[in-house]
Amino acid sequence: MNEALLTREPAVARPSPAPQPAAAPPATAAPAVRRRTPRDPRLDFFRGLAMLIILIAHIPWNFWANWIPARFGPSDAAEMFVFSSGYAAAIAFGGTFLRHGWWMGTRRILLRFWQIYWAHIGLFVAIATVSVIATRIDIADGKNYVNALNLQHFFNDPQSQLTGLLTLTYVPNYFDILPMYMVILLLVPVIVLLQRIHLGLAVAFSLGLYAAAWAGLELPAEPWSDRPWFFNPFAWQLLFFTAFAFSRGWIPVPPFRPWLLWAAAAFVLVMIPISHFGLYPLTPVTRFIHESLWGGAFTPAFKTNIHPIRILHFLALAYLAVWFVSRKPGLLESRLARPVIRVGQQALATFMSSMAVAWIMGMFLDVVGRDGLTVSAANVIGLASVFAVAYLVGWYKREPWRRPAPATG
């Protein structure tokens, strides 16, 4: 209300009203506090689950990895990581673009890029250092951990390879997920800008990049060869921005329909005998389909450029998983789900720790040997360490030292 209306003399004389407290002038009014959008526990749960699967998948010669989702279908935890990251990025950064404009949103993206860039460099230095120490003290009968990670070129010529490391033109396979994510982050302002002009432009740009990746658009992974990045960001951005568009409401999330649920379930079930290493050789049909997709043992483009069937398989799994969780709302509030959600809430820290711990657990198994007990112990220790990191980082982020000190008697 205009302050002049509160102070204007009345036109007709009348008894003075009871004194009222003076209204605070608008200039001194407390600013409105913007309420934070509550976190979606489904997002954190599945992102946390992806971090735990990544740990199991990266422990060398780990028989627990025979039971991760990747053994029963073409998609794996990488799709979970990228899709969840796209959905989370829309929540974390989309509001900034909306409230403060494109340039401010872009600067926030650049800050996140900067943080992940140094996280990537730190992860490389940490694992490379551990590998050098383990090789020099010969913890496993002459095994060379530097060569096992294909880092010998880096140590043979560190002056030139340091330039490649810092410019992301040297990306060893074990360290390839974060660089892929960084490039996709840099595409976010482009997609947001195109969507503001017309949603069709953003969709066409993303699909065009995906097609260009299959036509040969890629980034160099090492200066001494023509090997590209194992995760081609120009292909994987399609899955990221699919989740981004769902989260921002640019495209509608498919509703739960019986025929869609049955179709998704049938597709997931059909892919099991085609994908599983113990099942696909049993019939000529499954063997033919498997070898056509995977190229026998391995086809780099199948994962590097995220084959369409991987995307379809993941979306079918995600559709079924979200439907199941929606039917069991108490599942994400259970004691078993809470630690997984906590891991998902600290995704960057838990991802970095899972990669480092997985490599160290591989060294541990090289020393003590691999049997059912030792491999299971390595997995349990590794998973426990990731949970511990999640809780520790969460504690630090709450900044308990800012709370009032407890009263002393």
Protein backbone atom coordinates (compact mmCIF):
# COMPACT_ATOMS: atom_id res chain seq x y z
CA MET A 1 0.00 0.00 0.00
CA ASN A 2 1.19 3.53 -0.81
CA GLU A 3 2.70 5.15 2.29
CA ALA A 4 0.99 8.50 1.43
CA LEU A 5 -2.40 6.86 1.96
CA LEU A 6 -1.36 5.89 5.47
CA THR A 7 -0.24 9.41 6.44
CA ARG A 8 -2.88 11.56 4.67
CA GLU A 9 -5.16 13.73 6.91
CA PRO A 10 -8.79 12.57 6.97
CA ALA A 11 -11.29 14.69 5.03
CA VAL A 12 -13.96 14.55 7.78
CA ALA A 13 -13.24 15.18 11.44
CA ARG A 14 -13.86 12.15 13.61
CA PRO A 15 -12.60 10.86 16.91
CA SER A 16 -9.02 9.82 16.85
CA PRO A 17 -8.67 6.06 16.61
CA ALA A 18 -6.72 4.08 19.10
CA PRO A 19 -3.02 4.41 18.47
CA GLN A 20 -1.65 1.74 16.17
CA PRO A 21 1.94 0.59 15.84
CA ALA A 22 3.79 2.49 13.20
CA ALA A 23 4.12 0.65 9.90
CA ALA A 24 7.65 -0.11 8.90
CA PRO A 25 8.64 1.83 5.80
CA PRO A 26 8.96 -0.26 2.66
CA ALA A 27 12.67 0.41 2.47
CA THR A 28 13.26 -1.39 5.74
CA ALA A 29 10.86 -4.28 5.18
CA ALA A 30 12.44 -7.70 5.51
CA PRO A 31 13.19 -9.16 2.10
CA ALA A 32 11.08 -12.09 1.03
CA VAL A 33 12.85 -15.36 1.51
CA ARG A 34 12.75 -17.62 -1.53
CA ARG A 35 11.83 -21.11 -0.53
CA ARG A 36 14.11 -23.80 -1.81
CA THR A 37 12.55 -26.45 -3.97
CA PRO A 38 12.49 -29.64 -1.91
CA ARG A 39 14.83 -32.35 -3.13
CA ASP A 40 13.25 -35.23 -4.95
CA PRO A 41 14.26 -38.37 -3.01
CA ARG A 42 13.81 -40.48 -6.16
CA LEU A 43 16.51 -38.50 -7.93
CA ASP A 44 18.96 -38.81 -5.04
CA PHE A 45 18.17 -42.49 -4.55
CA PHE A 46 18.88 -43.50 -8.14
CA ARG A 47 21.89 -41.22 -8.39
CA GLY A 48 23.25 -42.78 -5.21
CA LEU A 49 22.54 -46.26 -6.58
CA ALA A 50 24.55 -45.36 -9.68
CA MET A 51 27.52 -44.33 -7.52
CA LEU A 52 27.47 -47.67 -5.69
CA ILE A 53 27.23 -49.65 -8.93
CA ILE A 54 30.12 -47.64 -10.37
CA LEU A 55 32.25 -48.69 -7.40
CA ILE A 56 31.46 -52.38 -7.88
CA ALA A 57 31.99 -52.17 -11.65
CA HIS A 58 35.45 -50.58 -11.26
CA ILE A 59 36.99 -53.03 -8.79
CA PRO A 60 39.21 -55.17 -11.07
CA TRP A 61 38.20 -58.82 -11.48
CA ASN A 62 35.21 -58.47 -9.18
CA PHE A 63 32.66 -61.28 -9.40
CA TRP A 64 30.09 -59.02 -7.71
CA ALA A 65 30.05 -57.12 -11.01
CA ASN A 66 28.35 -60.15 -12.60
CA TRP A 67 25.14 -59.01 -10.91
CA ILE A 68 25.03 -55.33 -11.78
CA PRO A 69 22.33 -54.17 -14.26
CA ALA A 70 24.85 -53.94 -17.12
CA ARG A 71 25.05 -57.75 -17.23
CA PHE A 72 21.33 -58.05 -17.93
CA GLY A 73 20.86 -55.36 -20.55
CA PRO A 74 22.73 -52.96 -22.83
CA SER A 75 22.56 -49.91 -20.54
CA ASP A 76 24.50 -49.56 -17.30
CA ALA A 77 25.30 -47.20 -14.43
CA ALA A 78 26.75 -44.63 -16.86
CA GLU A 79 23.26 -43.98 -18.21
CA MET A 80 21.94 -43.68 -14.65
CA PHE A 81 24.69 -41.18 -13.84
CA VAL A 82 24.16 -39.01 -16.94
CA PHE A 83 20.36 -39.04 -16.83
CA SER A 84 20.26 -38.24 -13.11
CA SER A 85 22.86 -35.50 -13.63
CA GLY A 86 20.74 -33.95 -16.37
CA TYR A 87 17.65 -33.97 -14.18
CA ALA A 88 19.59 -32.55 -11.23
CA ALA A 89 21.25 -29.87 -13.40
CA ALA A 90 17.84 -28.61 -14.48
CA ILE A 91 16.85 -28.23 -10.82
CA ALA A 92 20.17 -26.69 -9.76
CA PHE A 93 20.70 -24.30 -12.67
CA GLY A 94 17.37 -23.96 -14.46
CA GLY A 95 15.96 -21.60 -11.86
CA THR A 96 18.98 -19.33 -12.16
CA PHE A 97 18.43 -18.95 -15.90
CA LEU A 98 14.75 -18.24 -15.25
CA ARG A 99 15.10 -15.74 -12.38
CA HIS A 100 18.36 -13.96 -13.18
CA GLY A 101 18.71 -14.26 -16.92
CA TRP A 102 20.80 -16.21 -19.39
CA TRP A 103 24.15 -14.58 -18.64
CA MET A 104 23.92 -15.16 -14.90
CA GLY A 105 22.89 -18.76 -15.49
CA THR A 106 25.84 -19.20 -17.83
CA ARG A 107 28.25 -17.87 -15.22
CA ARG A 108 26.88 -20.32 -12.68
CA ILE A 109 27.44 -23.15 -15.17
CA LEU A 110 31.02 -21.95 -15.64
CA LEU A 111 31.56 -22.04 -11.87
CA ARG A 112 30.39 -25.65 -11.74
CA PHE A 113 32.60 -26.48 -14.72
CA TRP A 114 35.55 -24.97 -12.85
CA GLN A 115 34.81 -27.04 -9.75
CA ILE A 116 34.49 -30.31 -11.66
CA TYR A 117 37.57 -29.53 -13.74
CA TRP A 118 39.79 -29.36 -10.65
CA ALA A 119 38.05 -32.38 -9.17
CA HIS A 120 39.05 -34.29 -12.31
CA ILE A 121 42.66 -33.10 -12.10
CA GLY A 122 42.81 -33.96 -8.40
CA LEU A 123 41.38 -37.44 -9.01
CA PHE A 124 43.96 -38.11 -11.71
CA VAL A 125 46.85 -36.94 -9.53
CA ALA A 126 45.67 -38.97 -6.54
CA ILE A 127 45.19 -42.26 -8.41
CA ALA A 128 48.36 -41.79 -10.47
CA THR A 129 50.36 -41.15 -7.30
CA VAL A 130 48.96 -44.24 -5.57
CA SER A 131 49.77 -46.28 -8.68
CA VAL A 132 53.37 -45.07 -8.75
CA ILE A 133 53.90 -45.83 -5.05
CA ALA A 134 52.33 -49.29 -5.32
CA THR A 135 54.48 -50.12 -8.35
CA ARG A 136 57.72 -48.90 -6.74
CA ILE A 137 57.26 -50.83 -3.52
CA ASP A 138 56.15 -53.86 -5.57
CA ILE A 139 53.08 -54.82 -3.55
CA ALA A 140 51.89 -57.50 -6.01
CA ASP A 141 54.81 -59.47 -7.44
CA GLY A 142 55.91 -57.08 -10.11
CA LYS A 143 52.53 -55.78 -11.27
CA ASN A 144 52.92 -52.36 -12.85
CA TYR A 145 49.90 -50.25 -11.89
CA VAL A 146 51.07 -47.33 -14.00
CA ASN A 147 50.93 -49.48 -17.12
CA ALA A 148 47.66 -51.06 -15.99
CA LEU A 149 46.05 -47.61 -16.28
CA ASN A 150 47.96 -46.87 -19.50
CA LEU A 151 49.74 -43.97 -17.78
CA GLN A 152 53.26 -44.87 -18.90
CA HIS A 153 53.14 -42.23 -21.65
CA PHE A 154 52.36 -39.59 -19.05
CA PHE A 155 55.35 -40.49 -16.88
CA ASN A 156 57.69 -41.02 -19.85
CA ASP A 157 57.00 -37.52 -21.14
CA PRO A 158 55.36 -35.51 -18.34
CA GLN A 159 56.23 -32.11 -19.81
CA SER A 160 54.06 -32.51 -22.89
CA GLN A 161 51.45 -34.77 -21.27
CA LEU A 162 50.78 -32.24 -18.53
CA THR A 163 49.60 -29.87 -21.24
CA GLY A 164 47.32 -32.59 -22.58
CA LEU A 165 45.98 -33.32 -19.09
CA LEU A 166 45.16 -29.66 -18.37
CA THR A 167 43.61 -29.05 -21.80
CA LEU A 168 41.62 -32.32 -21.70
CA THR A 169 43.33 -33.60 -24.84
CA TYR A 170 44.79 -36.38 -22.71
CA VAL A 171 41.95 -38.34 -21.11
CA PRO A 172 42.86 -41.87 -19.96
CA ASN A 173 39.97 -44.34 -20.00
CA TYR A 174 39.65 -44.63 -16.23
CA PHE A 175 39.22 -40.85 -15.96
CA ASP A 176 36.75 -40.26 -18.76
CA ILE A 177 33.35 -39.65 -17.12
CA LEU A 178 33.99 -36.22 -15.58
CA PRO A 179 35.45 -34.72 -18.81
CA MET A 180 32.37 -35.92 -20.68
CA TYR A 181 30.15 -34.27 -18.07
CA MET A 182 32.14 -31.01 -18.25
CA VAL A 183 31.63 -30.66 -22.00
CA ILE A 184 27.91 -31.38 -21.63
CA LEU A 185 27.69 -28.69 -18.94
CA LEU A 186 29.10 -26.17 -21.40
CA LEU A 187 26.28 -27.06 -23.78
CA VAL A 188 23.60 -26.17 -21.22
CA PRO A 189 23.58 -22.40 -21.97
CA VAL A 190 23.34 -23.18 -25.69
CA ILE A 191 20.34 -25.46 -25.20
CA VAL A 192 18.64 -22.97 -22.85
CA LEU A 193 19.14 -20.14 -25.34
CA LEU A 194 17.77 -22.19 -28.23
CA GLN A 195 14.78 -23.30 -26.16
CA ARG A 196 13.93 -19.67 -25.44
CA ILE A 197 13.73 -19.06 -29.15
CA HIS A 198 11.82 -22.27 -29.86
CA LEU A 199 11.82 -25.70 -28.27
CA GLY A 200 12.19 -27.26 -31.70
CA LEU A 201 15.56 -25.57 -32.15
CA ALA A 202 16.89 -27.06 -28.90
CA VAL A 203 15.63 -30.52 -29.85
CA ALA A 204 17.08 -30.25 -33.35
CA PHE A 205 20.45 -29.10 -31.99
CA SER A 206 20.67 -32.02 -29.55
CA LEU A 207 19.63 -34.58 -32.16
CA GLY A 208 22.00 -33.01 -34.67
CA LEU A 209 24.95 -33.33 -32.27
CA TYR A 210 24.02 -36.98 -31.66
CA ALA A 211 23.95 -37.67 -35.40
CA ALA A 212 27.24 -35.81 -35.86
CA ALA A 213 28.85 -37.99 -33.19
CA TRP A 214 27.94 -41.10 -35.16
CA ALA A 215 29.24 -39.37 -38.30
CA GLY A 216 32.65 -38.83 -36.68
CA LEU A 217 32.45 -35.77 -34.40
CA GLU A 218 34.68 -36.62 -31.44
CA LEU A 219 37.43 -35.32 -29.19
CA PRO A 220 41.05 -36.61 -29.03
CA ALA A 221 41.93 -38.67 -25.95
CA GLU A 222 45.72 -38.82 -26.31
CA PRO A 223 48.33 -36.93 -28.36
CA TRP A 224 50.23 -40.01 -29.60
CA SER A 225 47.28 -41.78 -31.27
CA ASP A 226 43.93 -41.14 -32.90
CA ARG A 227 41.96 -42.69 -30.01
CA PRO A 228 38.90 -40.57 -29.13
CA TRP A 229 37.29 -40.03 -25.75
CA PHE A 230 35.70 -43.25 -24.56
CA PHE A 231 32.52 -41.29 -23.64
CA ASN A 232 31.71 -39.03 -26.58
CA PRO A 233 30.00 -35.99 -25.01
CA PHE A 234 28.37 -35.04 -28.31
CA ALA A 235 26.46 -38.33 -28.19
CA TRP A 236 25.82 -38.64 -24.44
CA GLN A 237 24.37 -35.12 -24.27
CA LEU A 238 21.17 -36.52 -25.84
CA LEU A 239 20.39 -38.53 -22.70
CA PHE A 240 21.44 -35.65 -20.43
CA PHE A 241 19.16 -33.13 -22.16
CA THR A 242 16.29 -35.59 -22.33
CA ALA A 243 16.36 -35.62 -18.52
CA PHE A 244 16.93 -31.84 -18.46
CA ALA A 245 13.83 -31.30 -20.62
CA PHE A 246 11.73 -33.61 -18.43
CA SER A 247 12.83 -31.77 -15.31
CA ARG A 248 12.16 -28.30 -16.70
CA GLY A 249 8.78 -29.35 -18.11
CA TRP A 250 9.79 -28.66 -21.70
CA ILE A 251 8.50 -32.07 -22.71
CA PRO A 252 5.87 -34.06 -20.79
CA VAL A 253 6.91 -37.04 -18.73
CA PRO A 254 5.18 -40.16 -20.13
CA PRO A 255 2.17 -41.01 -17.96
CA PHE A 256 1.76 -44.43 -16.43
CA ARG A 257 -0.32 -46.47 -18.85
CA PRO A 258 -0.79 -50.25 -18.71
CA TRP A 259 0.26 -50.76 -22.31
CA LEU A 260 3.40 -48.66 -21.81
CA LEU A 261 4.30 -50.57 -18.65
CA TRP A 262 3.84 -53.92 -20.40
CA ALA A 263 5.85 -52.75 -23.42
CA ALA A 264 8.70 -51.50 -21.25
CA ALA A 265 8.72 -54.69 -19.18
CA ALA A 266 8.68 -56.88 -22.29
CA PHE A 267 11.57 -54.97 -23.84
CA VAL A 268 13.66 -55.23 -20.65
CA LEU A 269 12.97 -58.97 -20.38
CA VAL A 270 13.78 -59.63 -24.03
CA MET A 271 17.13 -57.88 -23.67
CA ILE A 272 18.27 -60.20 -20.84
CA PRO A 273 19.05 -63.29 -22.97
CA ILE A 274 20.52 -61.04 -25.66
CA SER A 275 22.86 -59.28 -23.23
CA HIS A 276 23.84 -61.79 -20.54
CA PHE A 277 27.22 -63.41 -21.17
CA GLY A 278 25.94 -66.79 -20.01
CA LEU A 279 22.67 -66.73 -21.98
CA TYR A 280 23.24 -65.14 -25.38
CA PRO A 281 25.45 -68.00 -26.74
CA LEU A 282 22.68 -70.56 -26.09
CA THR A 283 20.64 -69.91 -29.26
CA PRO A 284 21.62 -68.79 -32.78
CA VAL A 285 19.11 -65.92 -32.64
CA THR A 286 20.37 -64.39 -29.40
CA ARG A 287 23.97 -64.92 -30.49
CA PHE A 288 23.33 -63.17 -33.82
CA ILE A 289 21.59 -60.18 -32.20
CA HIS A 290 24.24 -59.86 -29.50
CA GLU A 291 27.11 -59.95 -31.98
CA SER A 292 25.33 -57.49 -34.26
CA LEU A 293 25.00 -54.99 -31.41
CA TRP A 294 28.17 -55.61 -29.45
CA GLY A 295 30.35 -56.64 -32.38
CA GLY A 296 31.28 -59.90 -30.72
CA ALA A 297 33.36 -59.06 -27.66
CA PHE A 298 33.26 -55.26 -27.84
CA THR A 299 32.36 -52.42 -30.17
CA PRO A 300 33.62 -49.03 -28.94
CA ALA A 301 30.86 -47.05 -30.64
CA PHE A 302 28.20 -49.08 -28.84
CA LYS A 303 29.04 -47.29 -25.58
CA THR A 304 31.20 -44.42 -26.80
CA ASN A 305 28.38 -43.00 -28.94
CA ILE A 306 25.62 -44.49 -26.72
CA HIS A 307 23.79 -46.70 -29.21
CA PRO A 308 20.04 -45.94 -29.51
CA ILE A 309 19.17 -49.33 -28.05
CA ARG A 310 21.09 -48.37 -24.89
CA ILE A 311 18.98 -45.23 -24.59
CA LEU A 312 15.74 -47.13 -25.16
CA HIS A 313 16.72 -49.79 -22.65
CA PHE A 314 17.59 -47.24 -20.00
CA LEU A 315 14.39 -45.23 -20.53
CA ALA A 316 12.35 -48.43 -20.24
CA LEU A 317 14.13 -49.32 -17.00
CA ALA A 318 13.68 -45.79 -15.66
CA TYR A 319 9.97 -45.84 -16.53
CA LEU A 320 9.48 -49.12 -14.67
CA ALA A 321 11.60 -48.01 -11.71
CA VAL A 322 9.74 -44.72 -11.25
CA TRP A 323 6.40 -46.53 -11.54
CA PHE A 324 7.47 -49.06 -8.91
CA VAL A 325 8.65 -46.38 -6.50
CA SER A 326 5.41 -44.43 -7.00
CA ARG A 327 3.48 -47.54 -5.94
CA LYS A 328 5.69 -47.95 -2.86
CA PRO A 329 6.09 -44.39 -1.49
CA GLY A 330 7.39 -45.65 1.84
CA LEU A 331 10.31 -47.40 0.16
CA LEU A 332 12.41 -44.24 -0.07
CA GLU A 333 11.76 -43.47 3.59
CA SER A 334 13.09 -46.81 4.80
CA ARG A 335 16.33 -47.22 6.72
CA LEU A 336 17.88 -49.08 3.80
CA ALA A 337 17.13 -46.27 1.34
CA ARG A 338 18.36 -43.37 3.47
CA PRO A 339 22.10 -44.09 3.14
CA VAL A 340 21.72 -44.51 -0.64
CA ILE A 341 19.89 -41.18 -0.82
CA ARG A 342 22.69 -39.58 1.18
CA VAL A 343 25.21 -40.89 -1.37
CA GLY A 344 23.15 -39.36 -4.18
CA GLN A 345 23.01 -36.01 -2.41
CA GLN A 346 26.83 -35.84 -2.44
CA ALA A 347 27.25 -37.20 -5.97
CA LEU A 348 30.55 -35.54 -6.92
CA ALA A 349 32.35 -36.46 -3.70
CA THR A 350 31.03 -40.02 -3.68
CA PHE A 351 31.84 -40.52 -7.35
CA MET A 352 35.43 -39.43 -6.85
CA SER A 353 35.83 -41.57 -3.76
CA SER A 354 34.28 -44.60 -5.49
CA MET A 355 36.78 -44.38 -8.36
CA ALA A 356 39.75 -44.03 -6.03
CA VAL A 357 38.59 -46.70 -3.58
CA ALA A 358 37.79 -49.16 -6.39
CA TRP A 359 41.35 -48.91 -7.68
CA ILE A 360 42.81 -49.31 -4.18
CA MET A 361 40.58 -52.31 -3.52
CA GLY A 362 41.95 -53.86 -6.69
CA MET A 363 45.45 -53.46 -5.29
CA PHE A 364 44.30 -54.99 -2.01
CA LEU A 365 42.99 -58.05 -3.86
CA ASP A 366 46.23 -58.37 -5.82
CA VAL A 367 48.03 -58.72 -2.49
CA VAL A 368 45.66 -61.00 -0.55
CA GLY A 369 44.33 -62.99 -3.51
CA ARG A 370 40.86 -63.32 -4.93
CA ASP A 371 38.38 -65.73 -3.44
CA GLY A 372 34.80 -65.40 -2.28
CA LEU A 373 35.75 -63.99 1.13
CA THR A 374 38.40 -61.48 0.06
CA VAL A 375 36.43 -60.16 -2.93
CA SER A 376 33.32 -59.76 -0.80
CA ALA A 377 35.39 -58.00 1.87
CA ALA A 378 36.76 -55.58 -0.73
CA ASN A 379 33.25 -54.75 -1.91
CA VAL A 380 31.93 -54.24 1.60
CA ILE A 381 34.90 -52.04 2.57
CA GLY A 382 34.52 -50.06 -0.63
CA LEU A 383 30.78 -49.51 -0.21
CA ALA A 384 31.22 -48.58 3.45
CA SER A 385 33.85 -45.99 2.51
CA VAL A 386 31.49 -44.38 -0.02
CA PHE A 387 28.73 -44.17 2.59
CA ALA A 388 31.22 -42.68 5.05
CA VAL A 389 32.27 -40.01 2.55
CA ALA A 390 28.63 -39.12 1.88
CA TYR A 391 27.86 -38.62 5.56
CA LEU A 392 31.11 -36.76 6.23
CA VAL A 393 30.66 -34.34 3.33
CA GLY A 394 27.03 -33.81 4.32
CA TRP A 395 28.16 -32.95 7.86
CA TYR A 396 30.65 -30.39 6.60
CA LYS A 397 28.08 -28.82 4.25
CA ARG A 398 25.72 -28.26 7.17
CA GLU A 399 28.45 -26.11 8.77
CA PRO A 400 27.66 -27.05 12.36
CA TRP A 401 30.30 -24.62 13.63
CA ARG A 402 27.96 -21.76 12.65
CA ARG A 403 25.34 -22.85 15.18
CA PRO A 404 25.19 -21.11 18.56
CA ALA A 405 27.55 -22.70 21.04
CA PRO A 406 25.77 -24.89 23.63
CA ALA A 407 25.19 -23.22 26.97
CA THR A 408 27.62 -24.29 29.66
CA GLY A 409 26.51 -24.75 33.27
